[in-house]
Amino acid sequence: METTRQNKVCRLIQKELSEIFLAQTKAMNGVLVSVSTVRISPDMSIVRAYLSIFPSARAEELIKNINNNAKSIRFELGNRVRHQLRIIPELKFFVDDSLDYVERIDELLNK
């Protein structure tokens, strides 16, 4: 169970990461990256961000690229939230495939 402070920090990080990815993906035509969920460890040192990527065929490639550039994303996040957070957490990114899962279930039910 997350505390109120964890929830506030998660919402702040989710908002800022969404803006960072929006700015970065404008140059990439046909790619949309959205931050669906952010979870933070109890000691606020590690963030697990779940990204929903369209088209989903390129999801693994983009997640690998994003995780390789996690330090620069963390630096950008730090510049944005330096007045709200004392320590900028380490970032780990994962694919949120819940929409693909729902689509697959719907496809199976409609057969």
PDB file of N, CA and C in Angstrom:
ATOM      1  N   MET A   1       0.840  -1.178   0.000  1.00  0.00           N
ATOM      2  CA  MET A   1       0.000   0.000   0.000  1.00  0.00           C
ATOM      3  C   MET A   1       0.889   1.246   0.000  1.00  0.00           C
ATOM      4  N   GLU A   2       0.594   2.153  -0.918  1.00  0.00           N
ATOM      5  CA  GLU A   2       1.415   3.345  -1.052  1.00  0.00           C
ATOM      6  C   GLU A   2       0.901   4.463  -0.148  1.00  0.00           C
ATOM      7  N   THR A   3       1.828   5.254   0.346  1.00  0.00           N
ATOM      8  CA  THR A   3       1.470   6.385   1.191  1.00  0.00           C
ATOM      9  C   THR A   3       1.011   7.555   0.322  1.00  0.00           C
ATOM     10  N   THR A   4       0.460   8.549   0.976  1.00  0.00           N
ATOM     11  CA  THR A   4      -0.003   9.747   0.267  1.00  0.00           C
ATOM     12  C   THR A   4       1.166  10.437  -0.422  1.00  0.00           C
ATOM     13  N   ARG A   5       2.294  10.485   0.252  1.00  0.00           N
ATOM     14  CA  ARG A   5       3.480  11.117  -0.348  1.00  0.00           C
ATOM     15  C   ARG A   5       3.937  10.354  -1.586  1.00  0.00           C
ATOM     16  N   GLN A   6       3.947   9.032  -1.529  1.00  0.00           N
ATOM     17  CA  GLN A   6       4.328   8.237  -2.691  1.00  0.00           C
ATOM     18  C   GLN A   6       3.386   8.508  -3.861  1.00  0.00           C
ATOM     19  N   ASN A   7       2.085   8.584  -3.574  1.00  0.00           N
ATOM     20  CA  ASN A   7       1.115   8.850  -4.638  1.00  0.00           C
ATOM     21  C   ASN A   7       1.341  10.212  -5.272  1.00  0.00           C
ATOM     22  N   LYS A   8       1.629  11.220  -4.470  1.00  0.00           N
ATOM     23  CA  LYS A   8       1.875  12.565  -5.000  1.00  0.00           C
ATOM     24  C   LYS A   8       3.129  12.591  -5.864  1.00  0.00           C
ATOM     25  N   VAL A   9       4.177  11.931  -5.394  1.00  0.00           N
ATOM     26  CA  VAL A   9       5.425  11.894  -6.162  1.00  0.00           C
ATOM     27  C   VAL A   9       5.219  11.124  -7.466  1.00  0.00           C
ATOM     28  N   CYS A  10       4.461  10.024  -7.415  1.00  0.00           N
ATOM     29  CA  CYS A  10       4.169   9.247  -8.622  1.00  0.00           C
ATOM     30  C   CYS A  10       3.429  10.093  -9.653  1.00  0.00           C
ATOM     31  N   ARG A  11       2.428  10.843  -9.206  1.00  0.00           N
ATOM     32  CA  ARG A  11       1.673  11.698 -10.134  1.00  0.00           C
ATOM     33  C   ARG A  11       2.561  12.775 -10.743  1.00  0.00           C
ATOM     34  N   LEU A  12       3.427  13.372  -9.926  1.00  0.00           N
ATOM     35  CA  LEU A  12       4.344  14.398 -10.414  1.00  0.00           C
ATOM     36  C   LEU A  12       5.296  13.818 -11.456  1.00  0.00           C
ATOM     37  N   ILE A  13       5.884  12.672 -11.153  1.00  0.00           N
ATOM     38  CA  ILE A  13       6.832  12.044 -12.082  1.00  0.00           C
ATOM     39  C   ILE A  13       6.118  11.611 -13.357  1.00  0.00           C
ATOM     40  N   GLN A  14       4.908  11.076 -13.243  1.00  0.00           N
ATOM     41  CA  GLN A  14       4.149  10.661 -14.420  1.00  0.00           C
ATOM     42  C   GLN A  14       3.874  11.849 -15.329  1.00  0.00           C
ATOM     43  N   LYS A  15       3.481  12.969 -14.775  1.00  0.00           N
ATOM     44  CA  LYS A  15       3.197  14.171 -15.558  1.00  0.00           C
ATOM     45  C   LYS A  15       4.450  14.659 -16.270  1.00  0.00           C
ATOM     46  N   GLU A  16       5.553  14.732 -15.546  1.00  0.00           N
ATOM     47  CA  GLU A  16       6.789  15.250 -16.134  1.00  0.00           C
ATOM     48  C   GLU A  16       7.363  14.291 -17.176  1.00  0.00           C
ATOM     49  N   LEU A  17       7.315  12.982 -16.910  1.00  0.00           N
ATOM     50  CA  LEU A  17       7.795  12.020 -17.905  1.00  0.00           C
ATOM     51  C   LEU A  17       6.943  12.068 -19.171  1.00  0.00           C
ATOM     52  N   SER A  18       5.639  12.254 -19.014  1.00  0.00           N
ATOM     53  CA  SER A  18       4.753  12.368 -20.175  1.00  0.00           C
ATOM     54  C   SER A  18       5.148  13.549 -21.044  1.00  0.00           C
ATOM     55  N   GLU A  19       5.454  14.667 -20.414  1.00  0.00           N
ATOM     56  CA  GLU A  19       5.870  15.853 -21.175  1.00  0.00           C
ATOM     57  C   GLU A  19       7.224  15.631 -21.849  1.00  0.00           C
ATOM     58  N   ILE A  20       8.136  14.952 -21.178  1.00  0.00           N
ATOM     59  CA  ILE A  20       9.446  14.657 -21.767  1.00  0.00           C
ATOM     60  C   ILE A  20       9.281  13.769 -23.001  1.00  0.00           C
ATOM     61  N   PHE A  21       8.482  12.695 -22.875  1.00  0.00           N
ATOM     62  CA  PHE A  21       8.300  11.787 -24.009  1.00  0.00           C
ATOM     63  C   PHE A  21       7.520  12.441 -25.138  1.00  0.00           C
ATOM     64  N   LEU A  22       6.595  13.326 -24.818  1.00  0.00           N
ATOM     65  CA  LEU A  22       5.856  14.049 -25.855  1.00  0.00           C
ATOM     66  C   LEU A  22       6.812  14.895 -26.689  1.00  0.00           C
ATOM     67  N   ALA A  23       7.725  15.586 -26.017  1.00  0.00           N
ATOM     68  CA  ALA A  23       8.692  16.420 -26.735  1.00  0.00           C
ATOM     69  C   ALA A  23       9.656  15.570 -27.560  1.00  0.00           C
ATOM     70  N   GLN A  24      10.068  14.421 -27.037  1.00  0.00           N
ATOM     71  CA  GLN A  24      11.028  13.583 -27.749  1.00  0.00           C
ATOM     72  C   GLN A  24      10.415  12.844 -28.928  1.00  0.00           C
ATOM     73  N   THR A  25       9.138  12.484 -28.835  1.00  0.00           N
ATOM     74  CA  THR A  25       8.531  11.699 -29.914  1.00  0.00           C
ATOM     75  C   THR A  25       7.913  12.567 -31.006  1.00  0.00           C
ATOM     76  N   LYS A  26       7.919  13.875 -30.854  1.00  0.00           N
ATOM     77  CA  LYS A  26       7.418  14.735 -31.925  1.00  0.00           C
ATOM     78  C   LYS A  26       8.238  14.563 -33.199  1.00  0.00           C
ATOM     79  N   ALA A  27       9.537  14.311 -33.041  1.00  0.00           N
ATOM     80  CA  ALA A  27      10.413  14.128 -34.200  1.00  0.00           C
ATOM     81  C   ALA A  27      10.201  12.776 -34.879  1.00  0.00           C
ATOM     82  N   MET A  28       9.675  11.814 -34.152  1.00  0.00           N
ATOM     83  CA  MET A  28       9.454  10.475 -34.701  1.00  0.00           C
ATOM     84  C   MET A  28       8.016  10.370 -35.193  1.00  0.00           C
ATOM     85  N   ASN A  29       7.832  10.408 -36.479  1.00  0.00           N
ATOM     86  CA  ASN A  29       6.475  10.333 -37.043  1.00  0.00           C
ATOM     87  C   ASN A  29       5.890   8.943 -36.847  1.00  0.00           C
ATOM     88  N   GLY A  30       4.634   8.902 -36.441  1.00  0.00           N
ATOM     89  CA  GLY A  30       3.928   7.642 -36.294  1.00  0.00           C
ATOM     90  C   GLY A  30       4.195   6.897 -35.003  1.00  0.00           C
ATOM     91  N   VAL A  31       4.856   7.517 -34.040  1.00  0.00           N
ATOM     92  CA  VAL A  31       5.141   6.859 -32.757  1.00  0.00           C
ATOM     93  C   VAL A  31       4.514   7.678 -31.639  1.00  0.00           C
ATOM     94  N   LEU A  32       3.814   6.988 -30.758  1.00  0.00           N
ATOM     95  CA  LEU A  32       3.189   7.638 -29.615  1.00  0.00           C
ATOM     96  C   LEU A  32       3.598   6.886 -28.353  1.00  0.00           C
ATOM     97  N   VAL A  33       4.165   7.599 -27.394  1.00  0.00           N
ATOM     98  CA  VAL A  33       4.574   7.018 -26.114  1.00  0.00           C
ATOM     99  C   VAL A  33       3.820   7.748 -25.014  1.00  0.00           C
ATOM    100  N   SER A  34       3.095   6.984 -24.197  1.00  0.00           N
ATOM    101  CA  SER A  34       2.406   7.585 -23.055  1.00  0.00           C
ATOM    102  C   SER A  34       2.771   6.821 -21.786  1.00  0.00           C
ATOM    103  N   VAL A  35       2.827   7.537 -20.695  1.00  0.00           N
ATOM    104  CA  VAL A  35       3.164   6.946 -19.403  1.00  0.00           C
ATOM    105  C   VAL A  35       1.857   6.538 -18.745  1.00  0.00           C
ATOM    106  N   SER A  36       1.615   5.229 -18.661  1.00  0.00           N
ATOM    107  CA  SER A  36       0.335   4.767 -18.141  1.00  0.00           C
ATOM    108  C   SER A  36       0.336   4.645 -16.618  1.00  0.00           C
ATOM    109  N   THR A  37       1.433   4.162 -16.041  1.00  0.00           N
ATOM    110  CA  THR A  37       1.495   3.979 -14.589  1.00  0.00           C
ATOM    111  C   THR A  37       2.912   4.243 -14.100  1.00  0.00           C
ATOM    112  N   VAL A  38       3.009   4.812 -12.917  1.00  0.00           N
ATOM    113  CA  VAL A  38       4.303   5.018 -12.269  1.00  0.00           C
ATOM    114  C   VAL A  38       4.202   4.475 -10.856  1.00  0.00           C
ATOM    115  N   ARG A  39       5.153   3.647 -10.485  1.00  0.00           N
ATOM    116  CA  ARG A  39       5.234   3.099  -9.131  1.00  0.00           C
ATOM    117  C   ARG A  39       6.592   3.502  -8.556  1.00  0.00           C
ATOM    118  N   ILE A  40       6.604   3.845  -7.280  1.00  0.00           N
ATOM    119  CA  ILE A  40       7.850   4.258  -6.633  1.00  0.00           C
ATOM    120  C   ILE A  40       8.084   3.390  -5.411  1.00  0.00           C
ATOM    121  N   SER A  41       9.337   3.091  -5.142  1.00  0.00           N
ATOM    122  CA  SER A  41       9.683   2.262  -3.989  1.00  0.00           C
ATOM    123  C   SER A  41       9.421   3.040  -2.697  1.00  0.00           C
ATOM    124  N   PRO A  42       9.240   2.341  -1.590  1.00  0.00           N
ATOM    125  CA  PRO A  42       8.954   3.028  -0.320  1.00  0.00           C
ATOM    126  C   PRO A  42      10.025   4.032   0.107  1.00  0.00           C
ATOM    127  N   ASP A  43      11.290   3.773  -0.267  1.00  0.00           N
ATOM    128  CA  ASP A  43      12.342   4.726   0.086  1.00  0.00           C
ATOM    129  C   ASP A  43      12.531   5.814  -0.977  1.00  0.00           C
ATOM    130  N   MET A  44      11.674   5.821  -1.982  1.00  0.00           N
ATOM    131  CA  MET A  44      11.649   6.830  -3.052  1.00  0.00           C
ATOM    132  C   MET A  44      12.948   6.880  -3.852  1.00  0.00           C
ATOM    133  N   SER A  45      13.607   5.743  -4.017  1.00  0.00           N
ATOM    134  CA  SER A  45      14.870   5.724  -4.752  1.00  0.00           C
ATOM    135  C   SER A  45      14.749   5.103  -6.135  1.00  0.00           C
ATOM    136  N   ILE A  46      13.714   4.309  -6.363  1.00  0.00           N
ATOM    137  CA  ILE A  46      13.546   3.636  -7.650  1.00  0.00           C
ATOM    138  C   ILE A  46      12.124   3.841  -8.147  1.00  0.00           C
ATOM    139  N   VAL A  47      12.012   4.243  -9.414  1.00  0.00           N
ATOM    140  CA  VAL A  47      10.716   4.420 -10.062  1.00  0.00           C
ATOM    141  C   VAL A  47      10.585   3.389 -11.169  1.00  0.00           C
ATOM    142  N   ARG A  48       9.448   2.716 -11.195  1.00  0.00           N
ATOM    143  CA  ARG A  48       9.112   1.805 -12.286  1.00  0.00           C
ATOM    144  C   ARG A  48       8.009   2.483 -13.095  1.00  0.00           C
ATOM    145  N   ALA A  49       8.349   2.886 -14.313  1.00  0.00           N
ATOM    146  CA  ALA A  49       7.390   3.567 -15.179  1.00  0.00           C
ATOM    147  C   ALA A  49       6.945   2.597 -16.272  1.00  0.00           C
ATOM    148  N   TYR A  50       5.647   2.467 -16.430  1.00  0.00           N
ATOM    149  CA  TYR A  50       5.074   1.591 -17.444  1.00  0.00           C
ATOM    150  C   TYR A  50       4.609   2.450 -18.603  1.00  0.00           C
ATOM    151  N   LEU A  51       5.147   2.160 -19.794  1.00  0.00           N
ATOM    152  CA  LEU A  51       4.882   2.966 -20.980  1.00  0.00           C
ATOM    153  C   LEU A  51       3.995   2.206 -21.951  1.00  0.00           C
ATOM    154  N   SER A  52       3.014   2.910 -22.463  1.00  0.00           N
ATOM    155  CA  SER A  52       2.160   2.376 -23.513  1.00  0.00           C
ATOM    156  C   SER A  52       2.667   2.959 -24.826  1.00  0.00           C
ATOM    157  N   ILE A  53       3.055   2.095 -25.749  1.00  0.00           N
ATOM    158  CA  ILE A  53       3.696   2.532 -26.986  1.00  0.00           C
ATOM    159  C   ILE A  53       2.850   2.113 -28.176  1.00  0.00           C
ATOM    160  N   PHE A  54       2.625   3.071 -29.075  1.00  0.00           N
ATOM    161  CA  PHE A  54       1.919   2.798 -30.322  1.00  0.00           C
ATOM    162  C   PHE A  54       2.839   3.163 -31.467  1.00  0.00           C
ATOM    163  N   PRO A  55       3.066   2.352 -32.431  1.00  0.00           N
ATOM    164  CA  PRO A  55       2.554   0.993 -32.637  1.00  0.00           C
ATOM    165  C   PRO A  55       3.271  -0.011 -31.746  1.00  0.00           C
ATOM    166  N   SER A  56       2.537  -1.006 -31.301  1.00  0.00           N
ATOM    167  CA  SER A  56       3.081  -1.953 -30.328  1.00  0.00           C
ATOM    168  C   SER A  56       4.140  -2.868 -30.936  1.00  0.00           C
ATOM    169  N   ALA A  57       4.230  -2.911 -32.267  1.00  0.00           N
ATOM    170  CA  ALA A  57       5.257  -3.735 -32.906  1.00  0.00           C
ATOM    171  C   ALA A  57       6.654  -3.206 -32.606  1.00  0.00           C
ATOM    172  N   ARG A  58       6.787  -1.918 -32.367  1.00  0.00           N
ATOM    173  CA  ARG A  58       8.093  -1.309 -32.089  1.00  0.00           C
ATOM    174  C   ARG A  58       8.341  -1.129 -30.590  1.00  0.00           C
ATOM    175  N   ALA A  59       7.480  -1.679 -29.755  1.00  0.00           N
ATOM    176  CA  ALA A  59       7.552  -1.436 -28.313  1.00  0.00           C
ATOM    177  C   ALA A  59       8.861  -1.927 -27.704  1.00  0.00           C
ATOM    178  N   GLU A  60       9.267  -3.146 -28.010  1.00  0.00           N
ATOM    179  CA  GLU A  60      10.489  -3.700 -27.405  1.00  0.00           C
ATOM    180  C   GLU A  60      11.715  -2.892 -27.817  1.00  0.00           C
ATOM    181  N   GLU A  61      11.771  -2.522 -29.076  1.00  0.00           N
ATOM    182  CA  GLU A  61      12.895  -1.724 -29.581  1.00  0.00           C
ATOM    183  C   GLU A  61      12.963  -0.366 -28.878  1.00  0.00           C
ATOM    184  N   LEU A  62      11.802   0.289 -28.730  1.00  0.00           N
ATOM    185  CA  LEU A  62      11.773   1.601 -28.091  1.00  0.00           C
ATOM    186  C   LEU A  62      12.069   1.524 -26.599  1.00  0.00           C
ATOM    187  N   ILE A  63      11.567   0.509 -25.917  1.00  0.00           N
ATOM    188  CA  ILE A  63      11.843   0.355 -24.482  1.00  0.00           C
ATOM    189  C   ILE A  63      13.336   0.136 -24.250  1.00  0.00           C
ATOM    190  N   LYS A  64      13.958  -0.672 -25.101  1.00  0.00           N
ATOM    191  CA  LYS A  64      15.400  -0.896 -24.974  1.00  0.00           C
ATOM    192  C   LYS A  64      16.156   0.418 -25.163  1.00  0.00           C
ATOM    193  N   ASN A  65      15.744   1.207 -26.153  1.00  0.00           N
ATOM    194  CA  ASN A  65      16.367   2.507 -26.420  1.00  0.00           C
ATOM    195  C   ASN A  65      16.145   3.469 -25.248  1.00  0.00           C
ATOM    196  N   ILE A  66      14.932   3.489 -24.718  1.00  0.00           N
ATOM    197  CA  ILE A  66      14.607   4.367 -23.590  1.00  0.00           C
ATOM    198  C   ILE A  66      15.411   3.973 -22.354  1.00  0.00           C
ATOM    199  N   ASN A  67      15.523   2.667 -22.073  1.00  0.00           N
ATOM    200  CA  ASN A  67      16.297   2.218 -20.912  1.00  0.00           C
ATOM    201  C   ASN A  67      17.788   2.529 -21.080  1.00  0.00           C
ATOM    202  N   ASN A  68      18.279   2.489 -22.327  1.00  0.00           N
ATOM    203  CA  ASN A  68      19.680   2.854 -22.570  1.00  0.00           C
ATOM    204  C   ASN A  68      19.911   4.339 -22.329  1.00  0.00           C
ATOM    205  N   ASN A  69      18.880   5.165 -22.538  1.00  0.00           N
ATOM    206  CA  ASN A  69      18.978   6.612 -22.343  1.00  0.00           C
ATOM    207  C   ASN A  69      18.355   7.063 -21.027  1.00  0.00           C
ATOM    208  N   ALA A  70      18.212   6.152 -20.067  1.00  0.00           N
ATOM    209  CA  ALA A  70      17.553   6.468 -18.792  1.00  0.00           C
ATOM    210  C   ALA A  70      18.286   7.559 -18.021  1.00  0.00           C
ATOM    211  N   LYS A  71      19.608   7.615 -18.142  1.00  0.00           N
ATOM    212  CA  LYS A  71      20.370   8.626 -17.402  1.00  0.00           C
ATOM    213  C   LYS A  71      20.058  10.026 -17.910  1.00  0.00           C
ATOM    214  N   SER A  72      19.957  10.180 -19.223  1.00  0.00           N
ATOM    215  CA  SER A  72      19.646  11.511 -19.766  1.00  0.00           C
ATOM    216  C   SER A  72      18.197  11.893 -19.456  1.00  0.00           C
ATOM    217  N   ILE A  73      17.293  10.914 -19.436  1.00  0.00           N
ATOM    218  CA  ILE A  73      15.898  11.185 -19.077  1.00  0.00           C
ATOM    219  C   ILE A  73      15.819  11.568 -17.602  1.00  0.00           C
ATOM    220  N   ARG A  74      16.594  10.896 -16.765  1.00  0.00           N
ATOM    221  CA  ARG A  74      16.637  11.223 -15.332  1.00  0.00           C
ATOM    222  C   ARG A  74      17.174  12.637 -15.121  1.00  0.00           C
ATOM    223  N   PHE A  75      18.185  13.016 -15.897  1.00  0.00           N
ATOM    224  CA  PHE A  75      18.739  14.367 -15.807  1.00  0.00           C
ATOM    225  C   PHE A  75      17.685  15.402 -16.190  1.00  0.00           C
ATOM    226  N   GLU A  76      16.963  15.146 -17.283  1.00  0.00           N
ATOM    227  CA  GLU A  76      15.899  16.060 -17.712  1.00  0.00           C
ATOM    228  C   GLU A  76      14.796  16.147 -16.655  1.00  0.00           C
ATOM    229  N   LEU A  77      14.425  14.993 -16.092  1.00  0.00           N
ATOM    230  CA  LEU A  77      13.425  14.965 -15.025  1.00  0.00           C
ATOM    231  C   LEU A  77      13.919  15.752 -13.817  1.00  0.00           C
ATOM    232  N   GLY A  78      15.184  15.601 -13.484  1.00  0.00           N
ATOM    233  CA  GLY A  78      15.768  16.329 -12.364  1.00  0.00           C
ATOM    234  C   GLY A  78      15.717  17.833 -12.555  1.00  0.00           C
ATOM    235  N   ASN A  79      15.952  18.283 -13.784  1.00  0.00           N
ATOM    236  CA  ASN A  79      15.855  19.720 -14.066  1.00  0.00           C
ATOM    237  C   ASN A  79      14.435  20.235 -13.882  1.00  0.00           C
ATOM    238  N   ARG A  80      13.456  19.390 -14.175  1.00  0.00           N
ATOM    239  CA  ARG A  80      12.059  19.810 -14.091  1.00  0.00           C
ATOM    240  C   ARG A  80      11.512  19.786 -12.663  1.00  0.00           C
ATOM    241  N   VAL A  81      11.961  18.852 -11.843  1.00  0.00           N
ATOM    242  CA  VAL A  81      11.379  18.682 -10.499  1.00  0.00           C
ATOM    243  C   VAL A  81      12.360  18.993  -9.385  1.00  0.00           C
ATOM    244  N   ARG A  82      13.422  19.713  -9.665  1.00  0.00           N
ATOM    245  CA  ARG A  82      14.457  19.939  -8.645  1.00  0.00           C
ATOM    246  C   ARG A  82      13.961  20.737  -7.457  1.00  0.00           C
ATOM    247  N   HIS A  83      12.887  21.515  -7.625  1.00  0.00           N
ATOM    248  CA  HIS A  83      12.369  22.289  -6.501  1.00  0.00           C
ATOM    249  C   HIS A  83      11.335  21.498  -5.681  1.00  0.00           C
ATOM    250  N   GLN A  84      10.818  20.399  -6.240  1.00  0.00           N
ATOM    251  CA  GLN A  84       9.837  19.594  -5.516  1.00  0.00           C
ATOM    252  C   GLN A  84      10.454  18.377  -4.833  1.00  0.00           C
ATOM    253  N   LEU A  85      11.506  17.798  -5.428  1.00  0.00           N
ATOM    254  CA  LEU A  85      12.114  16.587  -4.880  1.00  0.00           C
ATOM    255  C   LEU A  85      13.574  16.836  -4.528  1.00  0.00           C
ATOM    256  N   ARG A  86      13.989  16.296  -3.413  1.00  0.00           N
ATOM    257  CA  ARG A  86      15.378  16.450  -2.999  1.00  0.00           C
ATOM    258  C   ARG A  86      16.271  15.457  -3.736  1.00  0.00           C
ATOM    259  N   ILE A  87      15.812  14.218  -3.857  1.00  0.00           N
ATOM    260  CA  ILE A  87      16.574  13.172  -4.537  1.00  0.00           C
ATOM    261  C   ILE A  87      15.766  12.696  -5.741  1.00  0.00           C
ATOM    262  N   ILE A  88      16.405  12.681  -6.908  1.00  0.00           N
ATOM    263  CA  ILE A  88      15.742  12.214  -8.132  1.00  0.00           C
ATOM    264  C   ILE A  88      15.930  10.694  -8.189  1.00  0.00           C
ATOM    265  N   PRO A  89      14.830   9.944  -8.246  1.00  0.00           N
ATOM    266  CA  PRO A  89      14.949   8.476  -8.211  1.00  0.00           C
ATOM    267  C   PRO A  89      15.525   7.902  -9.502  1.00  0.00           C
ATOM    268  N   GLU A  90      16.061   6.700  -9.386  1.00  0.00           N
ATOM    269  CA  GLU A  90      16.537   5.952 -10.540  1.00  0.00           C
ATOM    270  C   GLU A  90      15.318   5.502 -11.340  1.00  0.00           C
ATOM    271  N   LEU A  91      15.405   5.557 -12.672  1.00  0.00           N
ATOM    272  CA  LEU A  91      14.268   5.246 -13.532  1.00  0.00           C
ATOM    273  C   LEU A  91      14.445   3.895 -14.210  1.00  0.00           C
ATOM    274  N   LYS A  92      13.384   3.102 -14.196  1.00  0.00           N
ATOM    275  CA  LYS A  92      13.336   1.837 -14.931  1.00  0.00           C
ATOM    276  C   LYS A  92      12.034   1.833 -15.716  1.00  0.00           C
ATOM    277  N   PHE A  93      12.131   1.503 -16.992  1.00  0.00           N
ATOM    278  CA  PHE A  93      10.971   1.567 -17.868  1.00  0.00           C
ATOM    279  C   PHE A  93      10.569   0.171 -18.324  1.00  0.00           C
ATOM    280  N   PHE A  94       9.244  -0.036 -18.392  1.00  0.00           N
ATOM    281  CA  PHE A  94       8.685  -1.320 -18.802  1.00  0.00           C
ATOM    282  C   PHE A  94       7.532  -1.073 -19.771  1.00  0.00           C
ATOM    283  N   VAL A  95       7.241  -2.078 -20.596  1.00  0.00           N
ATOM    284  CA  VAL A  95       6.130  -1.976 -21.535  1.00  0.00           C
ATOM    285  C   VAL A  95       4.835  -2.284 -20.801  1.00  0.00           C
ATOM    286  N   ASP A  96       3.848  -1.417 -20.985  1.00  0.00           N
ATOM    287  CA  ASP A  96       2.510  -1.673 -20.458  1.00  0.00           C
ATOM    288  C   ASP A  96       1.700  -2.271 -21.598  1.00  0.00           C
ATOM    289  N   ASP A  97       1.538  -3.578 -21.560  1.00  0.00           N
ATOM    290  CA  ASP A  97       0.844  -4.257 -22.647  1.00  0.00           C
ATOM    291  C   ASP A  97      -0.603  -4.588 -22.296  1.00  0.00           C
ATOM    292  N   SER A  98      -1.173  -3.874 -21.364  1.00  0.00           N
ATOM    293  CA  SER A  98      -2.550  -4.159 -20.945  1.00  0.00           C
ATOM    294  C   SER A  98      -3.545  -3.899 -22.073  1.00  0.00           C
ATOM    295  N   LEU A  99      -3.297  -2.892 -22.912  1.00  0.00           N
ATOM    296  CA  LEU A  99      -4.210  -2.626 -24.033  1.00  0.00           C
ATOM    297  C   LEU A  99      -4.139  -3.735 -25.076  1.00  0.00           C
ATOM    298  N   ASP A 100      -2.948  -4.263 -25.320  1.00  0.00           N
ATOM    299  CA  ASP A 100      -2.814  -5.392 -26.243  1.00  0.00           C
ATOM    300  C   ASP A 100      -3.519  -6.618 -25.686  1.00  0.00           C
ATOM    301  N   TYR A 101      -3.421  -6.802 -24.378  1.00  0.00           N
ATOM    302  CA  TYR A 101      -4.076  -7.928 -23.722  1.00  0.00           C
ATOM    303  C   TYR A 101      -5.598  -7.814 -23.852  1.00  0.00           C
ATOM    304  N   VAL A 102      -6.139  -6.632 -23.625  1.00  0.00           N
ATOM    305  CA  VAL A 102      -7.584  -6.408 -23.749  1.00  0.00           C
ATOM    306  C   VAL A 102      -8.027  -6.630 -25.187  1.00  0.00           C
ATOM    307  N   GLU A 103      -7.248  -6.136 -26.127  1.00  0.00           N
ATOM    308  CA  GLU A 103      -7.576  -6.306 -27.547  1.00  0.00           C
ATOM    309  C   GLU A 103      -7.585  -7.779 -27.927  1.00  0.00           C
ATOM    310  N   ARG A 104      -6.624  -8.543 -27.425  1.00  0.00           N
ATOM    311  CA  ARG A 104      -6.558  -9.966 -27.724  1.00  0.00           C
ATOM    312  C   ARG A 104      -7.740 -10.714 -27.136  1.00  0.00           C
ATOM    313  N   ILE A 105      -8.130 -10.385 -25.894  1.00  0.00           N
ATOM    314  CA  ILE A 105      -9.298 -11.018 -25.268  1.00  0.00           C
ATOM    315  C   ILE A 105     -10.555 -10.695 -26.062  1.00  0.00           C
ATOM    316  N   ASP A 106     -10.690  -9.432 -26.464  1.00  0.00           N
ATOM    317  CA  ASP A 106     -11.847  -9.020 -27.257  1.00  0.00           C
ATOM    318  C   ASP A 106     -11.894  -9.758 -28.591  1.00  0.00           C
ATOM    319  N   GLU A 107     -10.748  -9.916 -29.197  1.00  0.00           N
ATOM    320  CA  GLU A 107     -10.668 -10.651 -30.473  1.00  0.00           C
ATOM    321  C   GLU A 107     -11.087 -12.107 -30.296  1.00  0.00           C
ATOM    322  N   LEU A 108     -10.634 -12.732 -29.204  1.00  0.00           N
ATOM    323  CA  LEU A 108     -10.998 -14.122 -28.950  1.00  0.00           C
ATOM    324  C   LEU A 108     -12.491 -14.285 -28.644  1.00  0.00           C
ATOM    325  N   LEU A 109     -13.078 -13.313 -27.969  1.00  0.00           N
ATOM    326  CA  LEU A 109     -14.499 -13.382 -27.629  1.00  0.00           C
ATOM    327  C   LEU A 109     -15.390 -13.161 -28.843  1.00  0.00           C
ATOM    328  N   ASN A 110     -14.919 -12.418 -29.813  1.00  0.00           N
ATOM    329  CA  ASN A 110     -15.728 -12.134 -31.005  1.00  0.00           C
ATOM    330  C   ASN A 110     -15.636 -13.187 -32.080  1.00  0.00           C
ATOM    331  N   LYS A 111     -14.866 -14.236 -31.866  1.00  0.00           N
ATOM    332  CA  LYS A 111     -14.755 -15.315 -32.875  1.00  0.00           C
ATOM    333  C   LYS A 111     -15.961 -16.198 -32.850  1.00  0.00           C
TER     334      LYS A 111
END
